[in-house]
N, C-alpha and C. Protein backbone atom coordinates (compact mmCIF):
# COMPACT_ATOMS: atom_id res chain seq x y z
N UNK A 1 -64.18 15.71 -70.24
CA UNK A 1 -63.44 16.23 -71.23
C UNK A 1 -62.42 15.01 -71.52
N UNK A 2 -61.89 14.70 -72.68
CA UNK A 2 -61.18 13.81 -73.06
C UNK A 2 -59.78 14.32 -72.82
N UNK A 3 -58.84 13.57 -73.46
CA UNK A 3 -57.33 13.99 -73.11
C UNK A 3 -56.88 15.15 -73.75
N UNK A 4 -55.98 15.70 -73.27
CA UNK A 4 -55.26 16.97 -73.83
C UNK A 4 -54.01 16.84 -74.18
N UNK A 5 -53.56 17.37 -75.45
CA UNK A 5 -52.07 17.30 -75.63
C UNK A 5 -51.42 18.63 -75.06
N UNK A 6 -50.34 18.73 -75.25
CA UNK A 6 -49.56 19.79 -74.59
C UNK A 6 -50.35 21.09 -75.48
N UNK A 7 -50.18 22.05 -74.23
CA UNK A 7 -50.72 23.32 -74.72
C UNK A 7 -52.26 23.54 -74.85
N UNK A 8 -52.94 22.35 -74.40
CA UNK A 8 -54.31 22.36 -74.25
C UNK A 8 -54.94 22.05 -75.63
N UNK A 9 -54.26 21.66 -76.84
CA UNK A 9 -54.88 21.32 -77.83
C UNK A 9 -55.39 19.73 -77.96
N UNK A 10 -56.49 19.36 -78.48
CA UNK A 10 -56.90 18.21 -78.51
C UNK A 10 -56.01 17.38 -79.39
N UNK A 11 -55.76 16.18 -78.81
CA UNK A 11 -54.91 15.23 -79.70
C UNK A 11 -55.41 14.92 -81.01
N UNK A 12 -54.42 14.54 -81.85
CA UNK A 12 -55.02 14.29 -83.25
C UNK A 12 -55.62 12.93 -83.30
N UNK A 13 -55.51 12.16 -82.37
CA UNK A 13 -56.16 10.77 -82.43
C UNK A 13 -56.60 10.51 -81.00
N UNK A 14 -57.72 11.23 -80.69
CA UNK A 14 -58.17 11.08 -79.00
C UNK A 14 -58.51 9.68 -78.54
N UNK A 15 -58.84 8.57 -79.61
CA UNK A 15 -59.30 7.50 -79.14
C UNK A 15 -57.84 6.57 -78.70
N UNK A 16 -56.88 6.94 -78.99
CA UNK A 16 -55.74 6.23 -78.52
C UNK A 16 -55.24 6.76 -77.07
N UNK A 17 -55.32 8.04 -76.91
CA UNK A 17 -55.05 8.20 -75.62
C UNK A 17 -56.01 7.88 -74.48
N UNK A 18 -55.10 7.79 -73.37
CA UNK A 18 -55.42 7.46 -71.88
C UNK A 18 -56.43 8.68 -71.39
N UNK A 19 -57.26 8.46 -70.49
CA UNK A 19 -58.04 9.80 -69.95
C UNK A 19 -57.10 10.68 -69.06
N UNK A 20 -56.64 11.63 -69.45
CA UNK A 20 -55.57 12.22 -68.69
C UNK A 20 -55.66 13.74 -68.83
N UNK A 21 -55.25 14.56 -67.72
CA UNK A 21 -55.21 15.78 -67.92
C UNK A 21 -53.84 16.57 -67.44
N UNK A 22 -53.39 17.34 -68.39
CA UNK A 22 -52.31 18.16 -67.87
C UNK A 22 -52.29 19.01 -66.96
N UNK A 23 -51.24 18.89 -65.94
CA UNK A 23 -51.15 19.99 -64.85
C UNK A 23 -49.79 20.63 -65.13
N UNK A 24 -48.70 20.28 -65.91
CA UNK A 24 -47.83 20.73 -66.44
C UNK A 24 -47.50 19.91 -67.71
N UNK A 25 -46.41 20.19 -68.50
CA UNK A 25 -46.37 19.52 -69.89
C UNK A 25 -45.81 18.01 -69.49
N UNK A 26 -45.38 17.88 -68.10
CA UNK A 26 -44.78 16.65 -67.64
C UNK A 26 -45.60 15.72 -66.83
N UNK A 27 -46.57 16.65 -66.14
CA UNK A 27 -47.41 15.76 -64.88
C UNK A 27 -48.70 16.01 -65.25
N UNK A 28 -49.30 14.90 -65.41
CA UNK A 28 -50.97 14.60 -65.57
C UNK A 28 -51.48 13.99 -64.51
N UNK A 29 -52.65 14.06 -64.42
CA UNK A 29 -53.78 13.49 -63.48
C UNK A 29 -54.80 12.75 -64.42
N UNK A 30 -54.75 11.55 -63.81
CA UNK A 30 -55.71 10.60 -64.77
C UNK A 30 -55.06 9.47 -65.01
N UNK A 31 -55.15 9.15 -66.38
CA UNK A 31 -54.47 8.17 -66.97
C UNK A 31 -54.98 6.82 -66.96
N UNK A 32 -56.46 6.63 -67.02
CA UNK A 32 -57.25 5.42 -66.95
C UNK A 32 -56.95 4.69 -68.39
N UNK A 33 -56.01 3.68 -68.31
CA UNK A 33 -55.70 2.88 -69.49
C UNK A 33 -56.68 1.95 -70.04
N UNK A 34 -57.05 1.94 -71.14
CA UNK A 34 -57.67 0.86 -71.72
C UNK A 34 -57.06 -0.49 -71.80
N UNK A 35 -57.45 -1.38 -71.39
CA UNK A 35 -56.61 -2.63 -71.57
C UNK A 35 -56.61 -3.26 -73.04
N UNK A 36 -57.68 -2.69 -74.15
CA UNK A 36 -57.26 -3.21 -75.46
C UNK A 36 -56.27 -2.08 -76.17
N UNK A 37 -55.94 -1.03 -75.58
CA UNK A 37 -55.26 0.21 -76.15
C UNK A 37 -54.13 0.44 -75.40
N UNK A 38 -53.85 -0.18 -74.31
CA UNK A 38 -52.93 0.23 -73.38
C UNK A 38 -51.48 0.58 -74.16
N UNK A 39 -50.81 -0.75 -74.99
CA UNK A 39 -49.62 -0.26 -75.51
C UNK A 39 -49.39 0.89 -76.39
N UNK A 40 -50.29 1.33 -77.16
CA UNK A 40 -50.65 2.67 -77.99
C UNK A 40 -50.33 3.65 -76.86
N UNK A 41 -51.49 3.56 -75.76
CA UNK A 41 -51.57 4.93 -74.97
C UNK A 41 -50.27 4.92 -74.28
N UNK A 42 -49.45 3.80 -73.61
CA UNK A 42 -48.14 4.09 -73.04
C UNK A 42 -47.30 4.51 -73.97
N UNK A 43 -47.16 4.17 -75.08
CA UNK A 43 -46.29 4.87 -76.31
C UNK A 43 -46.42 6.40 -76.38
N UNK A 44 -47.87 6.61 -76.40
CA UNK A 44 -48.14 8.11 -76.60
C UNK A 44 -47.61 9.01 -75.38
N UNK A 45 -47.93 8.36 -74.34
CA UNK A 45 -47.67 8.94 -73.08
C UNK A 45 -45.96 9.16 -72.83
N UNK A 46 -45.40 8.32 -73.26
CA UNK A 46 -43.91 8.32 -73.30
C UNK A 46 -43.38 9.45 -74.39
N UNK A 47 -44.07 9.10 -75.53
CA UNK A 47 -43.61 10.17 -76.58
C UNK A 47 -43.92 11.64 -76.36
N UNK A 48 -44.87 11.99 -75.42
CA UNK A 48 -45.24 12.84 -75.05
C UNK A 48 -44.60 13.74 -74.23
N UNK A 49 -43.65 12.94 -73.53
CA UNK A 49 -42.50 13.42 -72.50
C UNK A 49 -43.22 13.52 -70.99
N UNK A 50 -44.34 12.62 -70.64
CA UNK A 50 -44.72 12.89 -69.55
C UNK A 50 -43.90 12.10 -68.51
N UNK A 51 -43.35 12.60 -67.41
CA UNK A 51 -42.71 12.01 -66.43
C UNK A 51 -43.42 11.56 -65.20
N UNK A 52 -44.58 12.06 -65.04
CA UNK A 52 -45.21 12.04 -63.53
C UNK A 52 -46.65 11.80 -63.97
N UNK A 53 -47.18 10.83 -63.17
CA UNK A 53 -48.70 10.40 -63.42
C UNK A 53 -49.44 10.45 -62.07
N UNK A 54 -50.49 11.01 -61.74
CA UNK A 54 -51.08 10.85 -60.51
C UNK A 54 -52.43 10.38 -60.69
N UNK A 55 -52.92 9.11 -60.37
CA UNK A 55 -53.93 8.36 -60.90
C UNK A 55 -54.90 8.33 -59.54
N UNK A 56 -56.12 9.15 -59.86
CA UNK A 56 -56.99 9.32 -58.45
C UNK A 56 -58.12 8.44 -58.70
N UNK A 57 -58.02 7.44 -59.33
CA UNK A 57 -59.10 6.29 -59.28
C UNK A 57 -58.92 5.66 -58.13
N UNK A 58 -60.33 5.54 -57.21
CA UNK A 58 -60.37 4.45 -56.34
C UNK A 58 -60.42 2.96 -56.54
N UNK A 59 -61.09 2.89 -57.65
CA UNK A 59 -61.49 1.58 -58.00
C UNK A 59 -60.38 0.85 -58.63
N UNK A 60 -59.33 1.27 -59.35
CA UNK A 60 -58.25 0.50 -60.06
C UNK A 60 -56.88 1.28 -60.02
N UNK A 61 -56.09 0.68 -60.08
CA UNK A 61 -54.50 1.35 -60.37
C UNK A 61 -53.88 0.56 -61.49
N UNK A 62 -53.14 1.34 -62.40
CA UNK A 62 -52.43 0.89 -63.37
C UNK A 62 -50.77 0.89 -62.92
N UNK A 63 -50.72 0.93 -61.73
CA UNK A 63 -49.25 0.98 -61.22
C UNK A 63 -48.40 -0.23 -61.53
N UNK A 64 -48.66 -1.48 -61.61
CA UNK A 64 -48.17 -2.48 -62.17
C UNK A 64 -47.65 -2.53 -63.61
N UNK A 65 -48.57 -1.89 -64.45
CA UNK A 65 -48.42 -1.56 -65.83
C UNK A 65 -47.48 -0.53 -66.08
N UNK A 66 -47.41 0.53 -65.30
CA UNK A 66 -46.27 1.31 -65.52
C UNK A 66 -44.98 0.87 -65.02
N UNK A 67 -44.92 0.38 -63.72
CA UNK A 67 -43.80 -0.35 -63.29
C UNK A 67 -42.95 -1.18 -64.26
N UNK A 68 -43.96 -1.81 -64.97
CA UNK A 68 -43.44 -2.86 -66.13
C UNK A 68 -42.91 -2.24 -67.41
N UNK A 69 -43.67 -1.27 -67.86
CA UNK A 69 -43.66 -0.83 -69.19
C UNK A 69 -42.90 0.69 -69.12
N UNK A 70 -43.15 1.44 -68.24
CA UNK A 70 -42.71 2.75 -68.18
C UNK A 70 -42.02 3.10 -66.89
N UNK A 71 -40.99 2.16 -66.46
CA UNK A 71 -40.45 2.48 -64.96
C UNK A 71 -39.80 3.81 -64.65
N UNK A 72 -39.38 4.75 -66.14
CA UNK A 72 -38.93 5.89 -65.68
C UNK A 72 -39.95 6.86 -65.35
N UNK A 73 -41.17 6.60 -65.45
CA UNK A 73 -42.16 7.66 -65.21
C UNK A 73 -42.85 7.22 -63.82
N UNK A 74 -42.81 8.41 -63.15
CA UNK A 74 -43.08 8.26 -61.65
C UNK A 74 -44.70 8.14 -61.54
N UNK A 75 -45.14 7.09 -60.84
CA UNK A 75 -46.78 6.95 -60.65
C UNK A 75 -46.94 6.97 -59.32
N UNK A 76 -48.01 7.81 -59.02
CA UNK A 76 -48.74 7.67 -57.77
C UNK A 76 -50.15 7.40 -57.78
N UNK A 77 -50.69 6.30 -57.31
CA UNK A 77 -52.04 6.00 -57.15
C UNK A 77 -52.29 6.48 -55.86
N UNK A 78 -53.33 7.53 -56.16
CA UNK A 78 -53.79 8.47 -55.00
C UNK A 78 -55.37 8.36 -55.13
N UNK A 79 -55.64 7.09 -54.92
CA UNK A 79 -57.37 6.90 -55.13
C UNK A 79 -58.31 7.42 -54.13
N UNK A 80 -59.47 7.80 -54.67
CA UNK A 80 -60.54 8.49 -53.94
C UNK A 80 -61.74 7.90 -54.60
N UNK A 81 -62.79 7.63 -53.84
CA UNK A 81 -64.21 7.56 -54.17
C UNK A 81 -64.85 9.02 -54.44
N UNK A 82 -65.19 9.31 -55.64
CA UNK A 82 -65.78 10.61 -56.09
C UNK A 82 -67.26 10.56 -55.92
N UNK A 83 -67.69 10.96 -54.57
CA UNK A 83 -69.12 11.23 -54.32
C UNK A 83 -69.51 12.51 -53.85
N UNK A 84 -68.77 13.38 -54.48
CA UNK A 84 -69.27 14.80 -54.16
C UNK A 84 -68.67 15.31 -52.76
N UNK A 85 -68.05 14.50 -52.24
CA UNK A 85 -67.79 14.86 -50.56
C UNK A 85 -66.82 15.91 -50.61
N UNK A 86 -66.76 16.48 -49.31
CA UNK A 86 -65.55 17.54 -48.91
C UNK A 86 -64.32 16.47 -48.82
N UNK A 87 -63.34 17.11 -49.22
CA UNK A 87 -62.23 16.22 -49.34
C UNK A 87 -61.05 16.94 -48.40
N UNK A 88 -60.60 16.11 -47.36
CA UNK A 88 -59.58 16.89 -46.52
C UNK A 88 -58.18 17.34 -46.87
N UNK A 89 -57.81 18.32 -46.50
CA UNK A 89 -56.63 18.87 -47.11
C UNK A 89 -55.28 17.90 -47.16
N UNK A 90 -55.64 16.91 -46.02
CA UNK A 90 -54.30 16.04 -46.08
C UNK A 90 -54.24 15.30 -47.22
N UNK A 91 -55.37 14.89 -48.00
CA UNK A 91 -55.46 14.18 -48.89
C UNK A 91 -54.61 14.83 -50.35
N UNK A 92 -54.97 16.13 -50.19
CA UNK A 92 -53.94 16.98 -51.09
C UNK A 92 -52.62 17.41 -50.81
N UNK A 93 -52.59 17.29 -49.55
CA UNK A 93 -50.99 17.42 -49.13
C UNK A 93 -50.24 16.21 -49.48
N UNK A 94 -50.71 15.12 -49.41
CA UNK A 94 -49.88 13.86 -49.65
C UNK A 94 -49.44 13.97 -51.18
N UNK A 95 -50.60 14.39 -52.20
CA UNK A 95 -50.10 14.41 -53.49
C UNK A 95 -48.90 15.37 -53.67
N UNK A 96 -49.15 16.61 -53.06
CA UNK A 96 -48.27 17.86 -53.19
C UNK A 96 -46.81 17.08 -52.43
N UNK A 97 -46.82 16.48 -51.63
CA UNK A 97 -45.44 16.14 -50.99
C UNK A 97 -44.82 15.04 -52.21
N UNK A 98 -45.59 14.14 -52.72
CA UNK A 98 -45.14 13.33 -53.70
C UNK A 98 -44.49 14.00 -54.94
N UNK A 99 -45.13 15.15 -55.42
CA UNK A 99 -44.60 16.00 -56.42
C UNK A 99 -43.46 16.76 -55.97
N UNK A 100 -43.37 17.40 -54.64
CA UNK A 100 -42.31 18.03 -54.37
C UNK A 100 -41.09 17.22 -54.21
N UNK A 101 -41.30 15.85 -53.63
CA UNK A 101 -40.23 14.91 -53.65
C UNK A 101 -39.60 14.33 -54.69
N UNK A 102 -40.53 14.63 -55.87
CA UNK A 102 -39.91 14.04 -57.37
C UNK A 102 -38.76 15.06 -57.75
N UNK A 103 -38.88 16.10 -57.30
CA UNK A 103 -37.76 17.26 -57.60
C UNK A 103 -38.28 18.04 -58.78
N UNK A 104 -37.41 18.86 -59.37
CA UNK A 104 -37.80 19.66 -60.41
C UNK A 104 -38.43 18.90 -61.54
N UNK A 105 -39.38 19.27 -62.29
CA UNK A 105 -39.94 18.69 -63.44
C UNK A 105 -38.75 19.14 -64.61
N UNK A 106 -38.70 18.23 -65.58
CA UNK A 106 -37.71 18.66 -66.63
C UNK A 106 -38.28 19.59 -67.53
N UNK A 107 -37.34 20.51 -68.11
CA UNK A 107 -38.11 21.69 -68.95
C UNK A 107 -38.46 21.11 -70.10
N UNK A 108 -39.44 21.33 -70.98
CA UNK A 108 -40.00 20.92 -72.23
C UNK A 108 -39.30 21.68 -73.40
């Protein structure tokens, strides 16, 4: 499934958006930036009010891009190879701890 805008509606221009899925209006999972569209994708993320990103890709991270261009957005590279394996609870606990440590998400 492609990117989702707030409230679960499809974005008006899905080609611009990074591959992301909303957990809350401010927290997304995913965010695979396209190097050819990254500037537009980052601007979209910022305009949507996203404050936290969990990137679960094992093969790549956009941590440096976020640090440089959206330093006010919390970014967790929490990579995993997706081979259909059982995932230990500790993997989820690490992401939950990061979210809890980030404090309350702003109201939208």
